N, C-alpha and C. Protein backbone atom coordinates (compact mmCIF):
# COMPACT_ATOMS: atom_id res chain seq x y z
N UNK A 1 5.50 11.53 -14.92
CA UNK A 1 5.03 10.19 -14.62
C UNK A 1 4.87 10.07 -13.10
N UNK A 2 3.73 9.58 -12.66
CA UNK A 2 3.48 9.48 -11.22
C UNK A 2 4.32 8.36 -10.62
N UNK A 3 4.53 8.48 -9.30
CA UNK A 3 5.36 7.50 -8.60
C UNK A 3 4.79 6.09 -8.68
N UNK A 4 3.47 5.97 -8.57
CA UNK A 4 2.88 4.63 -8.59
C UNK A 4 3.02 3.97 -9.96
N UNK A 5 2.90 4.75 -11.02
CA UNK A 5 3.08 4.19 -12.36
C UNK A 5 4.54 3.77 -12.55
N UNK A 6 5.45 4.61 -12.06
CA UNK A 6 6.88 4.29 -12.15
C UNK A 6 7.20 3.03 -11.35
N UNK A 7 6.65 2.92 -10.13
CA UNK A 7 6.89 1.74 -9.31
C UNK A 7 6.30 0.49 -9.94
N UNK A 8 5.13 0.63 -10.55
CA UNK A 8 4.51 -0.53 -11.20
C UNK A 8 5.35 -0.98 -12.40
N UNK A 9 5.86 -0.01 -13.16
CA UNK A 9 6.72 -0.34 -14.30
C UNK A 9 8.01 -1.03 -13.86
N UNK A 10 8.61 -0.51 -12.79
CA UNK A 10 9.82 -1.14 -12.26
C UNK A 10 9.53 -2.55 -11.77
N UNK A 11 8.35 -2.72 -11.16
CA UNK A 11 7.95 -4.05 -10.70
C UNK A 11 7.80 -5.03 -11.85
N UNK A 12 7.21 -4.56 -12.94
CA UNK A 12 7.07 -5.41 -14.12
C UNK A 12 8.43 -5.81 -14.68
N UNK A 13 9.36 -4.84 -14.71
CA UNK A 13 10.71 -5.14 -15.20
C UNK A 13 11.43 -6.14 -14.30
N UNK A 14 11.30 -5.94 -12.98
CA UNK A 14 11.94 -6.88 -12.04
C UNK A 14 11.36 -8.28 -12.18
N UNK A 15 10.05 -8.34 -12.36
CA UNK A 15 9.42 -9.65 -12.51
C UNK A 15 9.91 -10.33 -13.80
N UNK A 16 9.98 -9.57 -14.90
CA UNK A 16 10.45 -10.14 -16.17
C UNK A 16 11.90 -10.57 -16.07
N UNK A 17 12.72 -9.73 -15.44
CA UNK A 17 14.14 -10.07 -15.24
C UNK A 17 14.26 -11.35 -14.41
N UNK A 18 13.41 -11.47 -13.39
CA UNK A 18 13.42 -12.66 -12.55
C UNK A 18 13.03 -13.91 -13.31
N UNK A 19 12.05 -13.78 -14.19
CA UNK A 19 11.63 -14.94 -14.99
C UNK A 19 12.76 -15.41 -15.91
N UNK A 20 13.47 -14.43 -16.48
CA UNK A 20 14.59 -14.78 -17.37
C UNK A 20 15.70 -15.46 -16.58
N UNK A 21 16.04 -14.90 -15.41
CA UNK A 21 17.07 -15.52 -14.56
C UNK A 21 16.66 -16.92 -14.13
N UNK A 22 15.40 -17.07 -13.75
CA UNK A 22 14.90 -18.37 -13.31
C UNK A 22 15.02 -19.40 -14.43
N UNK A 23 14.63 -18.99 -15.63
CA UNK A 23 14.71 -19.91 -16.77
C UNK A 23 16.17 -20.22 -17.12
N UNK A 24 17.03 -19.21 -17.09
CA UNK A 24 18.45 -19.42 -17.41
C UNK A 24 19.09 -20.34 -16.38
N UNK A 25 18.75 -20.12 -15.11
CA UNK A 25 19.30 -20.99 -14.06
C UNK A 25 18.81 -22.42 -14.20
N UNK A 26 17.56 -22.59 -14.61
CA UNK A 26 17.02 -23.93 -14.82
C UNK A 26 17.68 -24.63 -15.98
N UNK A 27 17.95 -23.88 -17.06
CA UNK A 27 18.59 -24.49 -18.24
C UNK A 27 20.05 -24.86 -17.98
N UNK A 28 20.76 -24.00 -17.24
CA UNK A 28 22.17 -24.26 -16.99
C UNK A 28 22.41 -25.10 -15.74
N UNK A 29 21.37 -25.31 -14.94
CA UNK A 29 21.52 -26.08 -13.72
C UNK A 29 22.13 -25.28 -12.59
N UNK A 30 22.14 -23.97 -12.71
CA UNK A 30 22.71 -23.08 -11.68
C UNK A 30 21.61 -22.71 -10.69
N UNK A 31 21.61 -23.37 -9.54
CA UNK A 31 20.56 -23.16 -8.54
C UNK A 31 20.60 -21.74 -7.97
N UNK A 32 21.80 -21.16 -7.88
CA UNK A 32 21.92 -19.81 -7.32
C UNK A 32 21.24 -18.79 -8.23
N UNK A 33 21.48 -18.86 -9.52
CA UNK A 33 20.86 -17.94 -10.47
C UNK A 33 19.35 -18.16 -10.49
N UNK A 34 18.93 -19.40 -10.41
CA UNK A 34 17.51 -19.71 -10.41
C UNK A 34 16.84 -19.13 -9.16
N UNK A 35 17.48 -19.26 -8.01
CA UNK A 35 16.94 -18.69 -6.77
C UNK A 35 16.89 -17.17 -6.84
N UNK A 36 17.93 -16.55 -7.39
CA UNK A 36 17.92 -15.10 -7.56
C UNK A 36 16.77 -14.67 -8.46
N UNK A 37 16.51 -15.46 -9.48
CA UNK A 37 15.39 -15.17 -10.38
C UNK A 37 14.05 -15.22 -9.67
N UNK A 38 13.88 -16.22 -8.83
CA UNK A 38 12.62 -16.32 -8.08
C UNK A 38 12.47 -15.15 -7.11
N UNK A 39 13.56 -14.72 -6.50
CA UNK A 39 13.53 -13.57 -5.59
C UNK A 39 13.17 -12.31 -6.36
N UNK A 40 13.78 -12.14 -7.54
CA UNK A 40 13.46 -10.97 -8.37
C UNK A 40 11.99 -10.97 -8.79
N UNK A 41 11.47 -12.15 -9.13
CA UNK A 41 10.07 -12.25 -9.51
C UNK A 41 9.17 -11.81 -8.35
N UNK A 42 9.43 -12.35 -7.17
CA UNK A 42 8.62 -12.00 -6.00
C UNK A 42 8.73 -10.52 -5.67
N UNK A 43 9.93 -9.98 -5.79
CA UNK A 43 10.14 -8.56 -5.54
C UNK A 43 9.34 -7.71 -6.51
N UNK A 44 9.34 -8.10 -7.77
CA UNK A 44 8.59 -7.37 -8.79
C UNK A 44 7.09 -7.41 -8.55
N UNK A 45 6.60 -8.58 -8.20
CA UNK A 45 5.16 -8.72 -7.92
C UNK A 45 4.78 -7.89 -6.70
N UNK A 46 5.62 -7.93 -5.65
CA UNK A 46 5.34 -7.15 -4.45
C UNK A 46 5.33 -5.65 -4.76
N UNK A 47 6.26 -5.22 -5.59
CA UNK A 47 6.32 -3.80 -5.95
C UNK A 47 5.06 -3.38 -6.72
N UNK A 48 4.59 -4.23 -7.59
CA UNK A 48 3.36 -3.94 -8.34
C UNK A 48 2.15 -3.87 -7.41
N UNK A 49 2.07 -4.80 -6.47
CA UNK A 49 0.96 -4.82 -5.53
C UNK A 49 0.98 -3.57 -4.65
N UNK A 50 2.17 -3.15 -4.22
CA UNK A 50 2.30 -1.94 -3.41
C UNK A 50 1.81 -0.73 -4.20
N UNK A 51 2.17 -0.66 -5.47
CA UNK A 51 1.73 0.46 -6.31
C UNK A 51 0.21 0.48 -6.42
N UNK A 52 -0.41 -0.70 -6.55
CA UNK A 52 -1.87 -0.77 -6.61
C UNK A 52 -2.50 -0.31 -5.29
N UNK A 53 -1.93 -0.75 -4.17
CA UNK A 53 -2.45 -0.34 -2.87
C UNK A 53 -2.31 1.17 -2.68
N UNK A 54 -1.19 1.71 -3.14
CA UNK A 54 -0.96 3.15 -3.02
C UNK A 54 -2.01 3.92 -3.83
N UNK A 55 -2.32 3.44 -5.03
CA UNK A 55 -3.35 4.08 -5.86
C UNK A 55 -4.71 4.03 -5.17
N UNK A 56 -5.04 2.88 -4.58
CA UNK A 56 -6.32 2.74 -3.89
C UNK A 56 -6.41 3.69 -2.70
N UNK A 57 -5.33 3.78 -1.92
CA UNK A 57 -5.32 4.66 -0.75
C UNK A 57 -5.41 6.12 -1.18
N UNK A 58 -4.74 6.46 -2.26
CA UNK A 58 -4.77 7.83 -2.75
C UNK A 58 -6.19 8.19 -3.21
N UNK A 59 -6.86 7.27 -3.87
CA UNK A 59 -8.24 7.49 -4.31
C UNK A 59 -9.16 7.67 -3.11
N UNK A 60 -9.00 6.85 -2.09
CA UNK A 60 -9.83 6.95 -0.89
C UNK A 60 -9.60 8.29 -0.19
N UNK A 61 -8.36 8.71 -0.12
CA UNK A 61 -8.04 10.00 0.50
C UNK A 61 -8.66 11.15 -0.28
N UNK A 62 -8.62 11.07 -1.60
CA UNK A 62 -9.25 12.11 -2.42
C UNK A 62 -10.76 12.16 -2.19
N UNK A 63 -11.40 11.00 -2.06
CA UNK A 63 -12.83 10.96 -1.79
C UNK A 63 -13.15 11.58 -0.43
N UNK A 64 -12.34 11.24 0.58
CA UNK A 64 -12.56 11.79 1.91
C UNK A 64 -12.37 13.30 1.92
N UNK A 65 -11.37 13.78 1.23
CA UNK A 65 -11.12 15.22 1.15
C UNK A 65 -12.28 15.93 0.46
N UNK A 66 -12.78 15.35 -0.60
CA UNK A 66 -13.91 15.95 -1.31
C UNK A 66 -15.16 15.98 -0.42
N UNK A 67 -15.37 14.92 0.37
CA UNK A 67 -16.52 14.88 1.27
C UNK A 67 -16.42 15.99 2.31
N UNK A 68 -15.24 16.17 2.89
CA UNK A 68 -15.05 17.21 3.91
C UNK A 68 -15.26 18.60 3.29
N UNK A 69 -14.76 18.79 2.10
CA UNK A 69 -14.93 20.09 1.45
C UNK A 69 -16.39 20.36 1.08
N UNK A 70 -17.11 19.33 0.67
CA UNK A 70 -18.51 19.50 0.27
C UNK A 70 -19.45 19.61 1.46
N UNK A 71 -19.12 18.92 2.56
CA UNK A 71 -20.01 18.87 3.73
C UNK A 71 -19.21 19.13 5.01
N UNK A 72 -18.76 20.36 5.22
CA UNK A 72 -17.90 20.64 6.38
C UNK A 72 -18.61 20.47 7.73
N UNK A 73 -19.89 20.82 7.84
CA UNK A 73 -20.58 20.70 9.13
C UNK A 73 -20.80 19.24 9.53
N UNK A 74 -21.17 18.42 8.57
CA UNK A 74 -21.34 16.99 8.85
C UNK A 74 -19.99 16.39 9.24
N UNK A 75 -18.94 16.77 8.54
CA UNK A 75 -17.61 16.26 8.84
C UNK A 75 -17.17 16.66 10.24
N UNK A 76 -17.42 17.90 10.61
CA UNK A 76 -17.06 18.37 11.94
C UNK A 76 -17.85 17.63 13.01
N UNK A 77 -19.13 17.40 12.75
CA UNK A 77 -19.97 16.66 13.71
C UNK A 77 -19.46 15.24 13.90
N UNK A 78 -19.12 14.59 12.81
CA UNK A 78 -18.60 13.22 12.89
C UNK A 78 -17.28 13.22 13.67
N UNK A 79 -16.41 14.19 13.41
CA UNK A 79 -15.13 14.26 14.12
C UNK A 79 -15.34 14.47 15.61
N UNK A 80 -16.30 15.30 16.00
CA UNK A 80 -16.57 15.54 17.42
C UNK A 80 -17.08 14.27 18.09
N UNK A 81 -18.02 13.59 17.44
CA UNK A 81 -18.57 12.36 18.02
C UNK A 81 -17.49 11.29 18.15
N UNK A 82 -16.71 11.09 17.11
CA UNK A 82 -15.64 10.08 17.15
C UNK A 82 -14.61 10.45 18.21
N UNK A 83 -14.23 11.73 18.29
CA UNK A 83 -13.27 12.18 19.30
C UNK A 83 -13.78 11.96 20.71
N UNK A 84 -15.05 12.23 20.92
CA UNK A 84 -15.65 12.03 22.25
C UNK A 84 -15.64 10.56 22.63
N UNK A 85 -16.01 9.71 21.69
CA UNK A 85 -16.03 8.26 21.96
C UNK A 85 -14.63 7.75 22.24
N UNK A 86 -13.66 8.14 21.41
CA UNK A 86 -12.29 7.69 21.63
C UNK A 86 -11.74 8.22 22.94
N UNK A 87 -12.05 9.46 23.28
CA UNK A 87 -11.61 10.01 24.55
C UNK A 87 -12.17 9.24 25.72
N UNK A 88 -13.44 8.88 25.65
CA UNK A 88 -14.06 8.10 26.72
C UNK A 88 -13.46 6.70 26.81
N UNK A 89 -13.16 6.12 25.67
CA UNK A 89 -12.57 4.77 25.69
C UNK A 89 -11.15 4.75 26.24
N UNK A 90 -10.36 5.72 25.81
CA UNK A 90 -8.95 5.69 26.21
C UNK A 90 -8.69 6.33 27.57
N UNK A 91 -9.43 7.34 27.90
CA UNK A 91 -9.14 8.04 29.14
C UNK A 91 -10.18 7.78 30.21
N UNK A 92 -11.35 7.33 29.84
CA UNK A 92 -12.38 7.01 30.80
C UNK A 92 -12.81 8.21 31.61
N UNK A 93 -13.64 7.94 32.55
CA UNK A 93 -14.08 9.02 33.45
C UNK A 93 -13.17 9.04 34.66
N UNK A 94 -12.88 10.23 35.11
CA UNK A 94 -12.01 10.32 36.29
C UNK A 94 -12.81 9.94 37.52
N UNK A 95 -12.17 9.21 38.41
CA UNK A 95 -12.84 8.76 39.63
C UNK A 95 -12.53 9.76 40.73
N UNK A 96 -13.60 10.19 41.40
CA UNK A 96 -13.41 11.11 42.53
C UNK A 96 -13.54 10.33 43.81
N UNK A 97 -12.63 10.56 44.72
CA UNK A 97 -12.65 9.84 45.99
C UNK A 97 -13.44 10.58 47.02
């Protein structure tokens, strides 16, 4: 099982656990349990969103890797141009007195 699927599953469980705690705290009038439930819900949702972002980033990285493997000369040219531009921006031209 991949890490992102595992994280998403754990996020779903945390969210469900939080909903149960929130409801139980509301029924019993226990504000502390209800607050813990809301925190668990938010934690679960955040964990699920992180897993989705990780999947998206992994897919983008795979696409970039495939592009470099399929078109190495174009990739090298782009890297040289970007490196030259960044070098000029960050280091500028040296001034001679």
